[in-house]
N, C-alpha and C. Protein backbone atom coordinates (compact mmCIF):
# COMPACT_ATOMS: atom_id res chain seq x y z
N MET A 1 0.87 -1.32 -0.23
CA MET A 1 0.04 -0.29 -0.01
C MET A 1 1.13 1.23 -0.08
N PHE A 2 2.05 1.08 0.29
CA PHE A 2 2.92 2.41 0.69
C PHE A 2 3.31 2.67 -1.07
N LEU A 3 3.30 1.57 -1.77
CA LEU A 3 4.11 1.85 -3.15
C LEU A 3 3.03 2.88 -3.96
N ASN A 4 1.82 3.32 -3.41
CA ASN A 4 0.89 4.26 -4.09
C ASN A 4 1.27 5.48 -3.52
N PHE A 5 1.88 5.45 -2.28
CA PHE A 5 2.14 6.85 -1.99
C PHE A 5 3.59 7.46 -2.39
N LEU A 6 4.23 6.66 -2.93
CA LEU A 6 5.59 7.06 -3.43
C LEU A 6 5.53 8.15 -4.55
N PRO A 7 4.88 7.98 -5.50
CA PRO A 7 4.81 8.87 -6.56
C PRO A 7 4.31 10.28 -6.05
N THR A 8 3.60 10.32 -5.09
CA THR A 8 3.12 11.54 -4.38
C THR A 8 4.20 12.31 -3.77
N VAL A 9 5.14 11.35 -3.16
CA VAL A 9 6.03 11.91 -2.43
C VAL A 9 7.31 12.59 -3.42
N ILE A 10 7.39 11.59 -4.61
CA ILE A 10 8.46 12.06 -5.43
C ILE A 10 8.07 13.50 -6.07
N VAL A 11 6.86 13.38 -6.55
CA VAL A 11 6.31 14.87 -7.07
C VAL A 11 6.03 15.91 -6.32
N PHE A 12 5.87 15.82 -5.38
CA PHE A 12 5.87 16.84 -3.94
C PHE A 12 6.94 17.66 -3.87
N GLN A 13 8.45 16.64 -3.99
CA GLN A 13 9.65 17.19 -3.92
C GLN A 13 10.13 18.34 -4.86
N GLY A 14 9.52 17.97 -6.24
CA GLY A 14 9.57 18.98 -7.40
C GLY A 14 8.71 20.07 -7.41
N GLU A 15 7.74 20.12 -6.52
CA GLU A 15 6.58 20.93 -6.54
C GLU A 15 6.86 21.95 -5.18
N LYS A 16 7.67 21.66 -4.09
CA LYS A 16 8.02 22.08 -2.99
C LYS A 16 8.43 23.54 -3.06
N PRO A 17 9.53 24.05 -3.88
CA PRO A 17 9.69 25.30 -3.85
C PRO A 17 8.76 26.15 -4.40
N ILE A 18 7.90 25.80 -5.36
CA ILE A 18 6.81 26.54 -5.68
C ILE A 18 5.84 26.75 -4.64
N TYR A 19 5.38 25.75 -3.95
CA TYR A 19 4.29 25.61 -2.96
C TYR A 19 5.02 26.48 -1.58
N VAL A 20 6.22 26.36 -1.47
CA VAL A 20 6.85 27.36 -0.04
C VAL A 20 6.61 28.76 -0.66
N ARG A 21 7.02 28.95 -1.92
CA ARG A 21 6.88 30.44 -2.14
C ARG A 21 5.55 30.77 -2.36
N GLU A 22 4.72 30.35 -2.90
CA GLU A 22 3.15 30.79 -2.97
C GLU A 22 2.44 30.72 -1.68
N ARG A 23 3.03 29.66 -0.48
CA ARG A 23 2.62 30.03 0.67
C ARG A 23 2.93 31.26 1.59
N ASP A 24 4.32 31.33 1.21
CA ASP A 24 4.64 32.43 2.31
C ASP A 24 4.44 33.96 1.68
N SER A 25 3.89 34.00 0.33
CA SER A 25 3.04 35.21 -0.27
C SER A 25 1.66 35.13 0.30
N GLY A 26 1.30 34.14 0.75
CA GLY A 26 -0.12 34.22 1.42
C GLY A 26 -1.22 33.70 0.39
N LEU A 27 -0.68 32.91 -0.54
CA LEU A 27 -1.85 32.70 -1.79
C LEU A 27 -2.93 31.63 -1.29
N TYR A 28 -2.46 30.73 -0.57
CA TYR A 28 -3.26 29.73 -0.11
C TYR A 28 -2.61 28.85 1.18
N HIS A 29 -3.52 28.09 1.84
CA HIS A 29 -3.04 27.36 2.59
C HIS A 29 -2.87 26.03 2.38
N ILE A 30 -2.12 25.11 3.23
CA ILE A 30 -2.11 23.60 2.66
C ILE A 30 -3.19 22.71 2.45
N TRP A 31 -4.26 23.10 3.27
CA TRP A 31 -5.57 22.28 3.12
C TRP A 31 -6.24 22.34 1.61
N ILE A 32 -5.92 23.79 1.16
CA ILE A 32 -6.36 24.01 -0.15
C ILE A 32 -5.45 23.36 -1.37
N TYR A 33 -4.07 23.20 -1.13
CA TYR A 33 -3.04 22.47 -2.14
C TYR A 33 -3.62 20.90 -1.94
N ALA A 34 -3.47 20.48 -0.78
CA ALA A 34 -3.93 19.03 -0.62
C ALA A 34 -5.44 18.75 -1.07
N THR A 35 -6.43 19.73 -1.11
CA THR A 35 -7.55 19.07 -1.45
C THR A 35 -7.75 18.99 -3.17
N THR A 36 -7.18 20.08 -3.73
CA THR A 36 -6.91 20.42 -5.17
C THR A 36 -5.88 19.22 -5.61
N LYS A 37 -5.17 18.87 -5.12
CA LYS A 37 -4.29 17.67 -5.61
C LYS A 37 -4.98 16.30 -5.43
N LEU A 38 -5.69 16.29 -4.16
CA LEU A 38 -6.55 15.06 -4.37
C LEU A 38 -7.52 14.95 -5.45
N PHE A 39 -8.27 15.86 -5.48
CA PHE A 39 -9.30 16.05 -6.59
C PHE A 39 -8.61 15.86 -8.09
N ALA A 40 -7.63 16.35 -8.19
CA ALA A 40 -6.97 16.27 -9.60
C ALA A 40 -6.48 14.75 -9.75
N GLU A 41 -6.06 13.95 -8.80
CA GLU A 41 -5.58 12.52 -8.86
C GLU A 41 -6.71 11.57 -8.47
N MET A 42 -7.86 11.80 -8.24
CA MET A 42 -9.05 10.99 -8.16
C MET A 42 -9.43 10.19 -9.24
N PRO A 43 -9.23 10.85 -10.35
CA PRO A 43 -9.47 9.77 -11.34
C PRO A 43 -8.72 8.54 -11.60
N ILE A 44 -7.39 8.84 -11.34
CA ILE A 44 -6.30 7.66 -11.38
C ILE A 44 -6.89 6.89 -9.84
N TYR A 45 -6.96 7.48 -9.04
CA TYR A 45 -7.34 6.40 -7.92
C TYR A 45 -8.59 5.75 -8.37
N LEU A 46 -9.46 6.21 -8.88
CA LEU A 46 -10.68 5.16 -9.24
C LEU A 46 -10.74 4.59 -10.22
N ILE A 47 -10.27 4.86 -11.31
CA ILE A 47 -9.83 3.93 -12.46
C ILE A 47 -8.83 2.88 -12.58
N VAL A 48 -7.70 3.06 -11.95
CA VAL A 48 -6.68 1.90 -11.52
C VAL A 48 -7.38 0.76 -11.16
N PRO A 49 -8.11 0.98 -9.84
CA PRO A 49 -8.66 -0.45 -9.24
C PRO A 49 -9.93 -0.99 -9.95
N LEU A 50 -10.58 -0.15 -10.99
CA LEU A 50 -11.60 -0.48 -11.66
C LEU A 50 -10.78 -1.51 -12.85
N VAL A 51 -9.85 -1.05 -13.50
CA VAL A 51 -9.23 -2.06 -14.41
C VAL A 51 -8.72 -3.16 -13.66
N LEU A 52 -8.03 -2.98 -12.44
CA LEU A 52 -7.66 -4.31 -11.93
C LEU A 52 -8.89 -5.07 -11.36
N ASN A 53 -9.81 -4.66 -11.22
CA ASN A 53 -11.14 -5.35 -10.85
C ASN A 53 -11.72 -5.98 -12.08
N LEU A 54 -11.77 -5.55 -13.31
CA LEU A 54 -12.00 -6.20 -14.56
C LEU A 54 -11.23 -7.37 -14.84
N MET A 55 -10.18 -6.90 -14.64
CA MET A 55 -9.28 -8.24 -15.17
C MET A 55 -9.02 -9.39 -14.12
N LEU A 56 -9.23 -8.88 -13.00
CA LEU A 56 -9.30 -10.36 -11.80
C LEU A 56 -10.45 -10.70 -11.79
N TYR A 57 -11.53 -10.11 -11.67
CA TYR A 57 -12.84 -10.53 -10.90
C TYR A 57 -13.19 -11.85 -11.75
N PHE A 58 -13.29 -11.89 -13.07
CA PHE A 58 -13.80 -12.97 -13.74
C PHE A 58 -12.72 -14.23 -13.83
N VAL A 59 -11.47 -14.04 -13.91
CA VAL A 59 -10.29 -14.78 -13.64
C VAL A 59 -10.49 -15.51 -12.59
N VAL A 60 -10.86 -15.01 -11.50
CA VAL A 60 -10.89 -15.73 -10.18
C VAL A 60 -12.01 -16.71 -10.04
N GLY A 61 -13.37 -16.25 -10.77
CA GLY A 61 -14.09 -17.25 -10.63
C GLY A 61 -15.18 -16.57 -9.65
N TYR A 62 -15.31 -15.24 -9.41
CA TYR A 62 -16.37 -14.82 -8.43
C TYR A 62 -17.70 -15.03 -9.33
N LEU A 63 -18.82 -14.82 -8.32
CA LEU A 63 -20.03 -15.14 -8.95
C LEU A 63 -20.48 -13.86 -9.89
N ASP A 64 -21.16 -14.10 -10.85
CA ASP A 64 -21.80 -13.28 -12.02
C ASP A 64 -22.75 -12.17 -11.32
N LYS A 65 -22.70 -11.63 -10.13
CA LYS A 65 -23.56 -10.59 -9.37
C LYS A 65 -22.92 -9.27 -9.39
N PHE A 66 -23.53 -8.49 -9.59
CA PHE A 66 -23.19 -7.03 -9.50
C PHE A 66 -22.63 -6.54 -8.27
N SER A 67 -23.50 -6.94 -7.29
CA SER A 67 -23.32 -6.71 -5.76
C SER A 67 -21.81 -7.42 -5.38
N THR A 68 -21.63 -8.36 -5.90
CA THR A 68 -20.31 -9.13 -5.49
C THR A 68 -19.20 -8.40 -6.27
N PHE A 69 -19.48 -7.87 -7.32
CA PHE A 69 -18.33 -7.11 -8.27
C PHE A 69 -18.14 -5.79 -7.34
N ALA A 70 -19.33 -5.18 -7.21
CA ALA A 70 -19.10 -3.63 -6.42
C ALA A 70 -18.48 -3.83 -5.22
N ALA A 71 -18.89 -4.86 -4.48
CA ALA A 71 -17.77 -5.05 -3.05
C ALA A 71 -16.37 -5.29 -3.21
N PHE A 72 -16.21 -6.15 -4.30
CA PHE A 72 -14.83 -6.28 -4.73
C PHE A 72 -13.95 -5.02 -5.29
N TYR A 73 -14.69 -4.08 -6.12
CA TYR A 73 -14.14 -2.87 -6.41
C TYR A 73 -14.17 -1.93 -5.13
N LEU A 74 -15.15 -1.94 -4.34
CA LEU A 74 -15.01 -1.06 -3.07
C LEU A 74 -13.72 -1.40 -2.48
N ILE A 75 -13.75 -2.50 -2.27
CA ILE A 75 -12.40 -3.06 -1.17
C ILE A 75 -10.99 -2.55 -2.29
N LEU A 76 -10.99 -3.01 -3.40
CA LEU A 76 -9.94 -2.61 -4.08
C LEU A 76 -9.60 -1.00 -3.91
N MET A 77 -10.64 -0.35 -4.09
CA MET A 77 -10.58 1.14 -4.23
C MET A 77 -10.26 1.78 -2.80
N LEU A 78 -10.55 0.93 -1.47
CA LEU A 78 -10.20 1.25 -0.51
C LEU A 78 -8.57 1.13 0.04
N MET A 79 -8.38 0.16 -0.58
CA MET A 79 -6.83 -0.20 -0.53
C MET A 79 -5.95 0.84 -1.21
N VAL A 80 -6.19 1.34 -2.33
CA VAL A 80 -5.79 2.51 -3.07
C VAL A 80 -5.83 3.96 -2.21
């Protein structure tokens, strides 16, 4: 689960000087930066588990019910 966090750490290192400059000038607070970054990355956080779910669900041989499919997707999404 920590492997999903590493790209964020790597990207933030490059963005840190810009963030510090804009924070010191009073443009925005950390919660605004974190919230907008979360919204920008949300499609990736939702699509990657869906693709994994589509590949694994039928190969593993789970029941052909939407409720089971949705529960499996929810578990994968929460892990991401």
